[in-house]
């Protein structure tokens, strides 16, 4: 049934081609916060006024102990089953660190650094439908919610090459849909995370800026595929390292500049995430923009037999899945 639904979405897309038509510390005190209106959060009774002010000013918000240990155990178990090749969800992409990819290791949990696009794996996709997650997502997207991009990250112990780092970037760089204020990422720690094992680092307030130019950083030992980084940013900007416990979830804006350091422990740092968007968002054509290069790279990575004429919009039409309300534009 999963394969049938994925195949149907692919046929729709290909048919379309044939018919062109901390919680962290606030950067300002609440007393000095005087917004003309809330730009990044919706009116409801979920977030407190202080939480809304914090997100509006900083572009992220941590909700403690949001996802249960039982759910995290289930996600971890399913990840291990995928690593053992016991299940092979349609459309799933398995990624390895650039240093591991050159080895001759067989597939197992110690060589998989990330799985992306698990929207056809019903067990992992449960994360995107958890009521406790959607309760907060709705504060940023409204009631019609699409799951757009899914990942389970298994940051490996760094080999000494520093390739387990993720350069500072903005997630909107990868997305062909807008407006940015109606998109939010939910990122849940599956264990304790801190600077030792490569926690997220954010530059608070940068969500108020624009999409910046991205490219591969010039790292001596190589960079993982699609790990693009911002080429020009203020290196003196304030940084906050998000120390989180298992089950803690950070929600952040797609323009927020963020990344993660190398994993200096012997363990694997796991997290599960999904980018959600208001179903009223619309797709854009990225040709002629700073995103054109990433479009070509994403399409090259796709394993469809027919990619001629495929665009990044089409890739996301395949990935997108309704989780609440009505599917409108996306």
C-alpha atoms as a PDB file:
ATOM      1  CA  UNK A   1       0.000   0.000   0.000  1.00  0.00           C
ATOM      2  CA  UNK A   2       2.888   2.368   0.831  1.00  0.00           C
ATOM      3  CA  UNK A   3       4.512   1.710  -2.530  1.00  0.00           C
ATOM      4  CA  UNK A   4       1.201   2.218  -4.285  1.00  0.00           C
ATOM      5  CA  UNK A   5       0.675   5.639  -2.726  1.00  0.00           C
ATOM      6  CA  UNK A   6       4.234   6.728  -3.528  1.00  0.00           C
ATOM      7  CA  UNK A   7       3.904   5.459  -7.096  1.00  0.00           C
ATOM      8  CA  UNK A   8       0.656   7.390  -7.480  1.00  0.00           C
ATOM      9  CA  UNK A   9       2.331  10.615  -6.336  1.00  0.00           C
ATOM     10  CA  UNK A  10       5.164  10.040  -8.792  1.00  0.00           C
ATOM     11  CA  UNK A  11       2.690   9.455 -11.647  1.00  0.00           C
ATOM     12  CA  UNK A  12       0.954  12.708 -10.759  1.00  0.00           C
ATOM     13  CA  UNK A  13       4.253  14.585 -10.863  1.00  0.00           C
ATOM     14  CA  UNK A  14       5.395  13.013 -14.122  1.00  0.00           C
ATOM     15  CA  UNK A  15       1.967  13.710 -15.594  1.00  0.00           C
ATOM     16  CA  UNK A  16       2.426  17.313 -14.573  1.00  0.00           C
ATOM     17  CA  UNK A  17       5.691  17.369 -16.537  1.00  0.00           C
ATOM     18  CA  UNK A  18       3.902  16.149 -19.660  1.00  0.00           C
ATOM     19  CA  UNK A  19       1.363  18.955 -19.436  1.00  0.00           C
ATOM     20  CA  UNK A  20       3.114  22.260 -18.908  1.00  0.00           C
ATOM     21  CA  UNK A  21       0.745  24.568 -17.525  1.00  0.00           C
ATOM     22  CA  UNK A  22      15.714  26.773  26.288  1.00  0.00           C
ATOM     23  CA  UNK A  23      15.513  27.285  26.376  1.00  0.00           C
ATOM     24  CA  UNK A  24      18.069  29.854  25.246  1.00  0.00           C
ATOM     25  CA  UNK A  25      18.600  33.290  26.676  1.00  0.00           C
ATOM     26  CA  UNK A  26      16.575  36.060  24.996  1.00  0.00           C
ATOM     27  CA  UNK A  27      18.660  38.603  23.127  1.00  0.00           C
ATOM     28  CA  UNK A  28      16.470  41.335  24.594  1.00  0.00           C
ATOM     29  CA  UNK A  29      14.473  41.509  27.758  1.00  0.00           C
ATOM     30  CA  UNK A  30      10.702  41.015  27.454  1.00  0.00           C
ATOM     31  CA  UNK A  31      10.203  44.505  28.852  1.00  0.00           C
ATOM     32  CA  UNK A  32      11.753  46.053  25.731  1.00  0.00           C
ATOM     33  CA  UNK A  33       9.714  43.964  23.300  1.00  0.00           C
ATOM     34  CA  UNK A  34       7.109  46.163  21.572  1.00  0.00           C
ATOM     35  CA  UNK A  35       6.032  44.480  18.320  1.00  0.00           C
ATOM     36  CA  UNK A  36       3.565  46.263  16.074  1.00  0.00           C
ATOM     37  CA  UNK A  37       2.154  42.803  15.484  1.00  0.00           C
ATOM     38  CA  UNK A  38       3.255  39.195  15.731  1.00  0.00           C
ATOM     39  CA  UNK A  39       4.865  38.188  12.449  1.00  0.00           C
ATOM     40  CA  UNK A  40       6.057  34.660  13.108  1.00  0.00           C
ATOM     41  CA  UNK A  41       3.456  33.103  15.416  1.00  0.00           C
ATOM     42  CA  UNK A  42      -0.305  32.550  15.231  1.00  0.00           C
ATOM     43  CA  UNK A  43      -2.974  33.534  17.717  1.00  0.00           C
ATOM     44  CA  UNK A  44      -4.050  30.552  19.818  1.00  0.00           C
ATOM     45  CA  UNK A  45      -3.941  29.442  23.432  1.00  0.00           C
ATOM     46  CA  UNK A  46      -0.921  27.128  23.184  1.00  0.00           C
ATOM     47  CA  UNK A  47       2.069  29.447  23.467  1.00  0.00           C
ATOM     48  CA  UNK A  48       2.313  31.816  26.372  1.00  0.00           C
ATOM     49  CA  UNK A  49       2.912  35.484  25.656  1.00  0.00           C
ATOM     50  CA  UNK A  50       6.514  35.098  26.809  1.00  0.00           C
ATOM     51  CA  UNK A  51       7.065  32.132  24.482  1.00  0.00           C
ATOM     52  CA  UNK A  52       5.634  34.048  21.538  1.00  0.00           C
ATOM     53  CA  UNK A  53       7.846  37.034  22.299  1.00  0.00           C
ATOM     54  CA  UNK A  54      10.891  34.793  22.555  1.00  0.00           C
ATOM     55  CA  UNK A  55      10.256  33.127  19.187  1.00  0.00           C
ATOM     56  CA  UNK A  56       9.422  36.432  17.504  1.00  0.00           C
ATOM     57  CA  UNK A  57      12.718  37.927  18.653  1.00  0.00           C
ATOM     58  CA  UNK A  58      15.002  34.900  18.402  1.00  0.00           C
ATOM     59  CA  UNK A  59      13.502  32.595  15.754  1.00  0.00           C
ATOM     60  CA  UNK A  60      13.511  29.427  17.862  1.00  0.00           C
ATOM     61  CA  UNK A  61      11.823  27.973  20.911  1.00  0.00           C
ATOM     62  CA  UNK A  62      12.575  24.849  22.958  1.00  0.00           C
ATOM     63  CA  UNK A  63       9.742  22.870  24.513  1.00  0.00           C
ATOM     64  CA  UNK A  64      11.079  20.574  27.205  1.00  0.00           C
ATOM     65  CA  UNK A  65      10.201  16.871  27.470  1.00  0.00           C
ATOM     66  CA  UNK A  66       7.704  16.991  24.604  1.00  0.00           C
ATOM     67  CA  UNK A  67       8.174  13.545  23.043  1.00  0.00           C
ATOM     68  CA  UNK A  68       7.911  10.461  25.266  1.00  0.00           C
ATOM     69  CA  UNK A  69      10.681   7.956  25.912  1.00  0.00           C
ATOM     70  CA  UNK A  70       8.405   5.251  24.510  1.00  0.00           C
ATOM     71  CA  UNK A  71       8.011   7.033  21.169  1.00  0.00           C
ATOM     72  CA  UNK A  72      11.726   7.739  20.940  1.00  0.00           C
ATOM     73  CA  UNK A  73      12.440   4.056  21.606  1.00  0.00           C
ATOM     74  CA  UNK A  74      10.124   3.125  18.732  1.00  0.00           C
ATOM     75  CA  UNK A  75      11.827   5.562  16.356  1.00  0.00           C
ATOM     76  CA  UNK A  76      15.238   4.238  17.371  1.00  0.00           C
ATOM     77  CA  UNK A  77      14.102   0.662  16.815  1.00  0.00           C
ATOM     78  CA  UNK A  78      12.772   1.465  13.344  1.00  0.00           C
ATOM     79  CA  UNK A  79      16.016   3.235  12.456  1.00  0.00           C
ATOM     80  CA  UNK A  80      17.934   0.111  13.457  1.00  0.00           C
ATOM     81  CA  UNK A  81      15.615  -2.063  11.343  1.00  0.00           C
ATOM     82  CA  UNK A  82      16.298   0.156   8.331  1.00  0.00           C
ATOM     83  CA  UNK A  83      20.041  -0.089   8.979  1.00  0.00           C
ATOM     84  CA  UNK A  84      19.737  -3.887   9.022  1.00  0.00           C
ATOM     85  CA  UNK A  85      17.831  -3.819   5.733  1.00  0.00           C
ATOM     86  CA  UNK A  86      14.816  -5.401   7.407  1.00  0.00           C
ATOM     87  CA  UNK A  87      12.581  -2.681   5.972  1.00  0.00           C
ATOM     88  CA  UNK A  88      13.113  -0.651   2.801  1.00  0.00           C
ATOM     89  CA  UNK A  89      10.644   2.251   2.690  1.00  0.00           C
ATOM     90  CA  UNK A  90       9.941   3.717  -0.737  1.00  0.00           C
ATOM     91  CA  UNK A  91      11.799   6.961  -1.412  1.00  0.00           C
ATOM     92  CA  UNK A  92      14.047   6.721   1.659  1.00  0.00           C
ATOM     93  CA  UNK A  93      17.572   8.068   1.183  1.00  0.00           C
ATOM     94  CA  UNK A  94      20.400   6.668   3.304  1.00  0.00           C
ATOM     95  CA  UNK A  95      23.433   8.910   3.734  1.00  0.00           C
ATOM     96  CA  UNK A  96      26.933   8.314   5.023  1.00  0.00           C
ATOM     97  CA  UNK A  97      29.684  10.627   6.185  1.00  0.00           C
ATOM     98  CA  UNK A  98      32.126  11.466   3.403  1.00  0.00           C
ATOM     99  CA  UNK A  99      34.893   9.614   5.266  1.00  0.00           C
ATOM    100  CA  UNK A 100      32.717   6.527   5.791  1.00  0.00           C
ATOM    101  CA  UNK A 101      31.477   6.492   2.201  1.00  0.00           C
ATOM    102  CA  UNK A 102      34.985   5.645   1.022  1.00  0.00           C
ATOM    103  CA  UNK A 103      35.150   2.562   3.229  1.00  0.00           C
ATOM    104  CA  UNK A 104      33.977  -0.949   2.440  1.00  0.00           C
ATOM    105  CA  UNK A 105      31.649  -1.270   5.421  1.00  0.00           C
ATOM    106  CA  UNK A 106      28.377  -3.037   4.840  1.00  0.00           C
ATOM    107  CA  UNK A 107      25.200  -1.196   5.763  1.00  0.00           C
ATOM    108  CA  UNK A 108      24.707  -0.974   9.529  1.00  0.00           C
ATOM    109  CA  UNK A 109      23.935   1.571  12.220  1.00  0.00           C
ATOM    110  CA  UNK A 110      27.581   2.612  12.514  1.00  0.00           C
ATOM    111  CA  UNK A 111      27.904   3.760   8.908  1.00  0.00           C
ATOM    112  CA  UNK A 112      24.520   5.445   8.405  1.00  0.00           C
ATOM    113  CA  UNK A 113      24.759   9.113   9.373  1.00  0.00           C
ATOM    114  CA  UNK A 114      21.327  10.246   8.226  1.00  0.00           C
ATOM    115  CA  UNK A 115      18.138   8.957   6.657  1.00  0.00           C
ATOM    116  CA  UNK A 116      16.025  11.416   4.724  1.00  0.00           C
ATOM    117  CA  UNK A 117      12.544  11.322   3.230  1.00  0.00           C
ATOM    118  CA  UNK A 118      10.966   8.735   5.526  1.00  0.00           C
ATOM    119  CA  UNK A 119       7.458   9.878   4.604  1.00  0.00           C
ATOM    120  CA  UNK A 120       6.615   6.359   3.352  1.00  0.00           C
ATOM    121  CA  UNK A 121       7.794   4.653   6.542  1.00  0.00           C
ATOM    122  CA  UNK A 122       4.671   4.635   8.677  1.00  0.00           C
ATOM    123  CA  UNK A 123       6.541   4.003  11.920  1.00  0.00           C
ATOM    124  CA  UNK A 124       8.954   6.931  11.577  1.00  0.00           C
ATOM    125  CA  UNK A 125       6.274   9.128  10.015  1.00  0.00           C
ATOM    126  CA  UNK A 126       4.359   8.800  13.295  1.00  0.00           C
ATOM    127  CA  UNK A 127       6.715  11.511  14.547  1.00  0.00           C
ATOM    128  CA  UNK A 128       5.148  13.971  12.097  1.00  0.00           C
ATOM    129  CA  UNK A 129       1.652  13.140  13.311  1.00  0.00           C
ATOM    130  CA  UNK A 130       2.214  13.172  17.073  1.00  0.00           C
ATOM    131  CA  UNK A 131      -0.502  15.384  18.612  1.00  0.00           C
ATOM    132  CA  UNK A 132       2.015  16.924  20.990  1.00  0.00           C
ATOM    133  CA  UNK A 133       4.188  17.987  18.011  1.00  0.00           C
ATOM    134  CA  UNK A 134       1.304  19.255  15.857  1.00  0.00           C
ATOM    135  CA  UNK A 135      -0.100  21.187  18.803  1.00  0.00           C
ATOM    136  CA  UNK A 136       2.934  23.464  18.643  1.00  0.00           C
ATOM    137  CA  UNK A 137       3.439  23.336  14.870  1.00  0.00           C
ATOM    138  CA  UNK A 138      -0.005  24.883  14.448  1.00  0.00           C
ATOM    139  CA  UNK A 139       1.253  27.931  16.354  1.00  0.00           C
ATOM    140  CA  UNK A 140       3.494  28.696  13.369  1.00  0.00           C
ATOM    141  CA  UNK A 141       1.660  27.253  10.353  1.00  0.00           C
ATOM    142  CA  UNK A 142      -2.037  27.416  11.189  1.00  0.00           C
ATOM    143  CA  UNK A 143      -4.435  24.426  11.104  1.00  0.00           C
ATOM    144  CA  UNK A 144      -3.710  23.041   7.613  1.00  0.00           C
ATOM    145  CA  UNK A 145      -0.355  21.347   8.025  1.00  0.00           C
ATOM    146  CA  UNK A 146       1.885  19.587   5.499  1.00  0.00           C
ATOM    147  CA  UNK A 147       4.940  17.521   6.437  1.00  0.00           C
ATOM    148  CA  UNK A 148       7.513  18.570   3.834  1.00  0.00           C
ATOM    149  CA  UNK A 149      10.935  17.208   4.761  1.00  0.00           C
ATOM    150  CA  UNK A 150      11.795  14.396   7.168  1.00  0.00           C
ATOM    151  CA  UNK A 151      15.133  13.328   8.645  1.00  0.00           C
ATOM    152  CA  UNK A 152      16.609  11.120  11.325  1.00  0.00           C
ATOM    153  CA  UNK A 153      20.176  12.208  12.037  1.00  0.00           C
ATOM    154  CA  UNK A 154      22.727   9.781  13.444  1.00  0.00           C
ATOM    155  CA  UNK A 155      25.739  12.085  13.837  1.00  0.00           C
ATOM    156  CA  UNK A 156      28.757   9.766  14.042  1.00  0.00           C
ATOM    157  CA  UNK A 157      31.849  10.107  16.209  1.00  0.00           C
ATOM    158  CA  UNK A 158      34.197  12.375  14.270  1.00  0.00           C
ATOM    159  CA  UNK A 159      37.045  10.496  12.619  1.00  0.00           C
ATOM    160  CA  UNK A 160      39.408  13.396  13.239  1.00  0.00           C
ATOM    161  CA  UNK A 161      38.673  14.902   9.829  1.00  0.00           C
ATOM    162  CA  UNK A 162      35.990  17.224  11.316  1.00  0.00           C
ATOM    163  CA  UNK A 163      33.534  16.069   8.639  1.00  0.00           C
ATOM    164  CA  UNK A 164      30.787  15.435  11.194  1.00  0.00           C
ATOM    165  CA  UNK A 165      30.293  19.197  11.419  1.00  0.00           C
ATOM    166  CA  UNK A 166      27.349  20.833   9.677  1.00  0.00           C
ATOM    167  CA  UNK A 167      28.175  24.335   8.402  1.00  0.00           C
ATOM    168  CA  UNK A 168      26.037  27.286   9.348  1.00  0.00           C
ATOM    169  CA  UNK A 169      23.099  27.457   6.945  1.00  0.00           C
ATOM    170  CA  UNK A 170      19.447  28.401   6.468  1.00  0.00           C
ATOM    171  CA  UNK A 171      17.005  25.602   5.717  1.00  0.00           C
ATOM    172  CA  UNK A 172      15.036  27.787   3.310  1.00  0.00           C
ATOM    173  CA  UNK A 173      17.981  27.412   0.912  1.00  0.00           C
ATOM    174  CA  UNK A 174      16.687  23.910   0.144  1.00  0.00           C
ATOM    175  CA  UNK A 175      12.958  24.696  -0.105  1.00  0.00           C
ATOM    176  CA  UNK A 176      11.040  25.786  -3.236  1.00  0.00           C
ATOM    177  CA  UNK A 177       7.995  26.986  -1.328  1.00  0.00           C
ATOM    178  CA  UNK A 178       7.012  30.194   0.417  1.00  0.00           C
ATOM    179  CA  UNK A 179       6.230  32.242   2.461  1.00  0.00           C
ATOM    180  CA  UNK A 180       9.020  31.488   4.895  1.00  0.00           C
ATOM    181  CA  UNK A 181       7.049  32.676   7.923  1.00  0.00           C
ATOM    182  CA  UNK A 182       4.587  29.804   7.427  1.00  0.00           C
ATOM    183  CA  UNK A 183       7.288  27.113   7.662  1.00  0.00           C
ATOM    184  CA  UNK A 184       8.737  25.648  10.844  1.00  0.00           C
ATOM    185  CA  UNK A 185      11.087  22.820  11.763  1.00  0.00           C
ATOM    186  CA  UNK A 186      10.484  20.519  14.725  1.00  0.00           C
ATOM    187  CA  UNK A 187      13.776  18.921  15.847  1.00  0.00           C
ATOM    188  CA  UNK A 188      13.657  16.432  18.719  1.00  0.00           C
ATOM    189  CA  UNK A 189      16.689  15.185  20.629  1.00  0.00           C
ATOM    190  CA  UNK A 190      16.651  11.385  20.944  1.00  0.00           C
ATOM    191  CA  UNK A 191      19.229  11.566  23.748  1.00  0.00           C
ATOM    192  CA  UNK A 192      21.154  14.189  25.696  1.00  0.00           C
ATOM    193  CA  UNK A 193      22.880  16.604  23.301  1.00  0.00           C
ATOM    194  CA  UNK A 194      25.500  19.192  24.114  1.00  0.00           C
ATOM    195  CA  UNK A 195      28.656  20.671  22.587  1.00  0.00           C
ATOM    196  CA  UNK A 196      30.581  17.441  23.123  1.00  0.00           C
ATOM    197  CA  UNK A 197      28.413  15.418  20.744  1.00  0.00           C
ATOM    198  CA  UNK A 198      27.570  18.215  18.327  1.00  0.00           C
ATOM    199  CA  UNK A 199      24.385  19.927  19.467  1.00  0.00           C
ATOM    200  CA  UNK A 200      22.657  22.527  17.340  1.00  0.00           C
ATOM    201  CA  UNK A 201      24.085  26.028  17.408  1.00  0.00           C
ATOM    202  CA  UNK A 202      21.865  28.955  16.418  1.00  0.00           C
ATOM    203  CA  UNK A 203      22.401  32.631  15.681  1.00  0.00           C
ATOM    204  CA  UNK A 204      19.389  34.200  17.407  1.00  0.00           C
ATOM    205  CA  UNK A 205      17.442  36.816  15.509  1.00  0.00           C
ATOM    206  CA  UNK A 206      18.836  35.929  12.078  1.00  0.00           C
ATOM    207  CA  UNK A 207      15.404  34.720  10.971  1.00  0.00           C
ATOM    208  CA  UNK A 208      14.570  38.390  10.448  1.00  0.00           C
ATOM    209  CA  UNK A 209      17.039  38.602   7.587  1.00  0.00           C
ATOM    210  CA  UNK A 210      16.932  37.360   4.015  1.00  0.00           C
ATOM    211  CA  UNK A 211      18.037  34.143   2.331  1.00  0.00           C
ATOM    212  CA  UNK A 212      21.805  34.297   1.925  1.00  0.00           C
ATOM    213  CA  UNK A 213      24.109  32.742  -0.671  1.00  0.00           C
ATOM    214  CA  UNK A 214      25.146  29.170   0.164  1.00  0.00           C
ATOM    215  CA  UNK A 215      27.874  26.909  -1.180  1.00  0.00           C
ATOM    216  CA  UNK A 216      30.156  24.125   0.010  1.00  0.00           C
ATOM    217  CA  UNK A 217      32.637  25.365   2.636  1.00  0.00           C
ATOM    218  CA  UNK A 218      36.298  25.010   1.796  1.00  0.00           C
ATOM    219  CA  UNK A 219      37.075  22.379   4.405  1.00  0.00           C
ATOM    220  CA  UNK A 220      40.385  20.606   3.970  1.00  0.00           C
ATOM    221  CA  UNK A 221      39.113  17.061   4.590  1.00  0.00           C
ATOM    222  CA  UNK A 222      35.939  17.304   2.539  1.00  0.00           C
ATOM    223  CA  UNK A 223      32.270  18.087   3.091  1.00  0.00           C
ATOM    224  CA  UNK A 224      29.231  15.828   3.115  1.00  0.00           C
ATOM    225  CA  UNK A 225      26.893  16.012   0.152  1.00  0.00           C
ATOM    226  CA  UNK A 226      24.400  18.902   0.295  1.00  0.00           C
ATOM    227  CA  UNK A 227      26.051  20.311   3.430  1.00  0.00           C
ATOM    228  CA  UNK A 228      25.983  23.819   2.002  1.00  0.00           C
ATOM    229  CA  UNK A 229      26.969  26.724   4.186  1.00  0.00           C
ATOM    230  CA  UNK A 230      26.458  30.476   4.219  1.00  0.00           C
ATOM    231  CA  UNK A 231      29.328  32.228   2.513  1.00  0.00           C
ATOM    232  CA  UNK A 232      28.964  35.598   4.171  1.00  0.00           C
ATOM    233  CA  UNK A 233      27.747  36.169   7.698  1.00  0.00           C
ATOM    234  CA  UNK A 234      28.861  38.170  10.711  1.00  0.00           C
ATOM    235  CA  UNK A 235      31.297  35.884  12.508  1.00  0.00           C
ATOM    236  CA  UNK A 236      30.913  38.032  15.619  1.00  0.00           C
ATOM    237  CA  UNK A 237      27.188  37.281  15.866  1.00  0.00           C
ATOM    238  CA  UNK A 238      25.933  35.866  19.133  1.00  0.00           C
ATOM    239  CA  UNK A 239      25.741  32.068  19.130  1.00  0.00           C
ATOM    240  CA  UNK A 240      23.679  29.848  21.380  1.00  0.00           C
ATOM    241  CA  UNK A 241      24.446  26.144  21.752  1.00  0.00           C
ATOM    242  CA  UNK A 242      21.211  24.271  22.381  1.00  0.00           C
ATOM    243  CA  UNK A 243      21.845  21.794  25.186  1.00  0.00           C
ATOM    244  CA  UNK A 244      18.835  19.469  25.205  1.00  0.00           C
ATOM    245  CA  UNK A 245      17.642  16.319  26.931  1.00  0.00           C
ATOM    246  CA  UNK A 246      15.934  13.317  25.353  1.00  0.00           C
ATOM    247  CA  UNK A 247      12.467  14.325  24.218  1.00  0.00           C
ATOM    248  CA  UNK A 248      13.159  18.071  24.202  1.00  0.00           C
ATOM    249  CA  UNK A 249      12.036  19.659  20.933  1.00  0.00           C
ATOM    250  CA  UNK A 250      13.183  22.884  19.331  1.00  0.00           C
ATOM    251  CA  UNK A 251      10.959  24.669  16.828  1.00  0.00           C
ATOM    252  CA  UNK A 252      12.763  27.095  14.546  1.00  0.00           C
ATOM    253  CA  UNK A 253      12.232  29.360  11.546  1.00  0.00           C
ATOM    254  CA  UNK A 254      13.662  28.329   8.118  1.00  0.00           C
ATOM    255  CA  UNK A 255      15.716  31.538   7.839  1.00  0.00           C
ATOM    256  CA  UNK A 256      17.365  31.055  11.236  1.00  0.00           C
ATOM    257  CA  UNK A 257      21.100  30.555  10.728  1.00  0.00           C
ATOM    258  CA  UNK A 258      22.135  27.342  12.456  1.00  0.00           C
ATOM    259  CA  UNK A 259      24.499  24.387  12.230  1.00  0.00           C
ATOM    260  CA  UNK A 260      26.217  21.864  14.483  1.00  0.00           C
ATOM    261  CA  UNK A 261      29.724  21.075  15.626  1.00  0.00           C
ATOM    262  CA  UNK A 262      31.620  17.809  15.345  1.00  0.00           C
ATOM    263  CA  UNK A 263      30.795  14.865  17.551  1.00  0.00           C
ATOM    264  CA  UNK A 264      33.778  14.481  19.890  1.00  0.00           C
ATOM    265  CA  UNK A 265      32.345  11.467  21.750  1.00  0.00           C
ATOM    266  CA  UNK A 266      32.391   7.771  20.900  1.00  0.00           C
ATOM    267  CA  UNK A 267      28.602   7.588  20.668  1.00  0.00           C
ATOM    268  CA  UNK A 268      26.178   8.466  17.879  1.00  0.00           C
ATOM    269  CA  UNK A 269      24.112  11.606  18.446  1.00  0.00           C
ATOM    270  CA  UNK A 270      20.545  10.948  17.274  1.00  0.00           C
ATOM    271  CA  UNK A 271      17.742  13.392  16.528  1.00  0.00           C
ATOM    272  CA  UNK A 272      14.538  13.208  14.485  1.00  0.00           C
ATOM    273  CA  UNK A 273      13.029  16.158  12.658  1.00  0.00           C
ATOM    274  CA  UNK A 274      10.406  17.354  10.224  1.00  0.00           C
ATOM    275  CA  UNK A 275       9.854  20.620   8.405  1.00  0.00           C
ATOM    276  CA  UNK A 276       6.198  21.559   8.358  1.00  0.00           C
ATOM    277  CA  UNK A 277       4.439  24.157   6.228  1.00  0.00           C
ATOM    278  CA  UNK A 278       1.043  25.761   5.994  1.00  0.00           C
ATOM    279  CA  UNK A 279      -0.860  23.973   3.201  1.00  0.00           C
ATOM    280  CA  UNK A 280      -1.646  27.458   1.855  1.00  0.00           C
ATOM    281  CA  UNK A 281       2.016  27.978   0.970  1.00  0.00           C
ATOM    282  CA  UNK A 282       2.880  28.003  -2.730  1.00  0.00           C
ATOM    283  CA  UNK A 283       5.709  26.590  -4.811  1.00  0.00           C
ATOM    284  CA  UNK A 284       8.178  28.886  -6.551  1.00  0.00           C
ATOM    285  CA  UNK A 285      10.461  28.485  -9.551  1.00  0.00           C
ATOM    286  CA  UNK A 286      14.065  28.673  -8.327  1.00  0.00           C
ATOM    287  CA  UNK A 287      15.647  29.060 -11.748  1.00  0.00           C
ATOM    288  CA  UNK A 288      17.652  32.258 -11.914  1.00  0.00           C
ATOM    289  CA  UNK A 289      17.877  32.453  -8.112  1.00  0.00           C
ATOM    290  CA  UNK A 290      20.527  31.531  -5.559  1.00  0.00           C
ATOM    291  CA  UNK A 291      18.746  28.166  -5.189  1.00  0.00           C
ATOM    292  CA  UNK A 292      19.249  27.042  -8.789  1.00  0.00           C
ATOM    293  CA  UNK A 293      22.480  25.215  -7.956  1.00  0.00           C
ATOM    294  CA  UNK A 294      20.913  23.187  -5.145  1.00  0.00           C
ATOM    295  CA  UNK A 295      18.002  22.302  -7.440  1.00  0.00           C
ATOM    296  CA  UNK A 296      20.378  20.671  -9.929  1.00  0.00           C
ATOM    297  CA  UNK A 297      22.130  18.774  -7.148  1.00  0.00           C
ATOM    298  CA  UNK A 298      18.888  17.514  -5.593  1.00  0.00           C
ATOM    299  CA  UNK A 299      17.517  16.299  -8.929  1.00  0.00           C
ATOM    300  CA  UNK A 300      20.800  14.545  -9.735  1.00  0.00           C
ATOM    301  CA  UNK A 301      20.476  12.623  -6.473  1.00  0.00           C
ATOM    302  CA  UNK A 302      16.935  11.441  -7.236  1.00  0.00           C
ATOM    303  CA  UNK A 303      16.712   7.823  -8.323  1.00  0.00           C
ATOM    304  CA  UNK A 304      13.759   8.145 -10.698  1.00  0.00           C
ATOM    305  CA  UNK A 305      14.176   6.561 -14.084  1.00  0.00           C
ATOM    306  CA  UNK A 306      12.922   9.725 -15.754  1.00  0.00           C
ATOM    307  CA  UNK A 307      14.296  13.022 -14.444  1.00  0.00           C
ATOM    308  CA  UNK A 308      14.218  15.058 -17.645  1.00  0.00           C
ATOM    309  CA  UNK A 309      12.221  18.195 -16.998  1.00  0.00           C
ATOM    310  CA  UNK A 310      11.970  17.438 -13.267  1.00  0.00           C
ATOM    311  CA  UNK A 311      12.198  20.499 -11.037  1.00  0.00           C
ATOM    312  CA  UNK A 312      12.730  20.987  -7.320  1.00  0.00           C
ATOM    313  CA  UNK A 313       9.022  21.801  -7.039  1.00  0.00           C
ATOM    314  CA  UNK A 314       8.228  18.332  -8.390  1.00  0.00           C
ATOM    315  CA  UNK A 315      10.597  16.694  -5.905  1.00  0.00           C
ATOM    316  CA  UNK A 316       8.774  18.372  -3.039  1.00  0.00           C
ATOM    317  CA  UNK A 317       5.371  17.461  -4.429  1.00  0.00           C
ATOM    318  CA  UNK A 318       6.469  13.838  -4.043  1.00  0.00           C
ATOM    319  CA  UNK A 319       7.803  14.374  -0.520  1.00  0.00           C
ATOM    320  CA  UNK A 320       4.900  16.449   0.796  1.00  0.00           C
ATOM    321  CA  UNK A 321       2.278  14.689   2.902  1.00  0.00           C
ATOM    322  CA  UNK A 322      -0.763  16.087   4.671  1.00  0.00           C
ATOM    323  CA  UNK A 323      -0.827  15.593   8.433  1.00  0.00           C
ATOM    324  CA  UNK A 324      -3.664  17.844   9.550  1.00  0.00           C
ATOM    325  CA  UNK A 325      -6.506  19.833   7.997  1.00  0.00           C
ATOM    326  CA  UNK A 326      -6.848  20.221   4.234  1.00  0.00           C
ATOM    327  CA  UNK A 327      -4.268  19.935   1.462  1.00  0.00           C
ATOM    328  CA  UNK A 328      -4.604  23.202  -0.450  1.00  0.00           C
ATOM    329  CA  UNK A 329      -1.615  24.320  -2.561  1.00  0.00           C
ATOM    330  CA  UNK A 330       1.331  22.136  -1.559  1.00  0.00           C
END
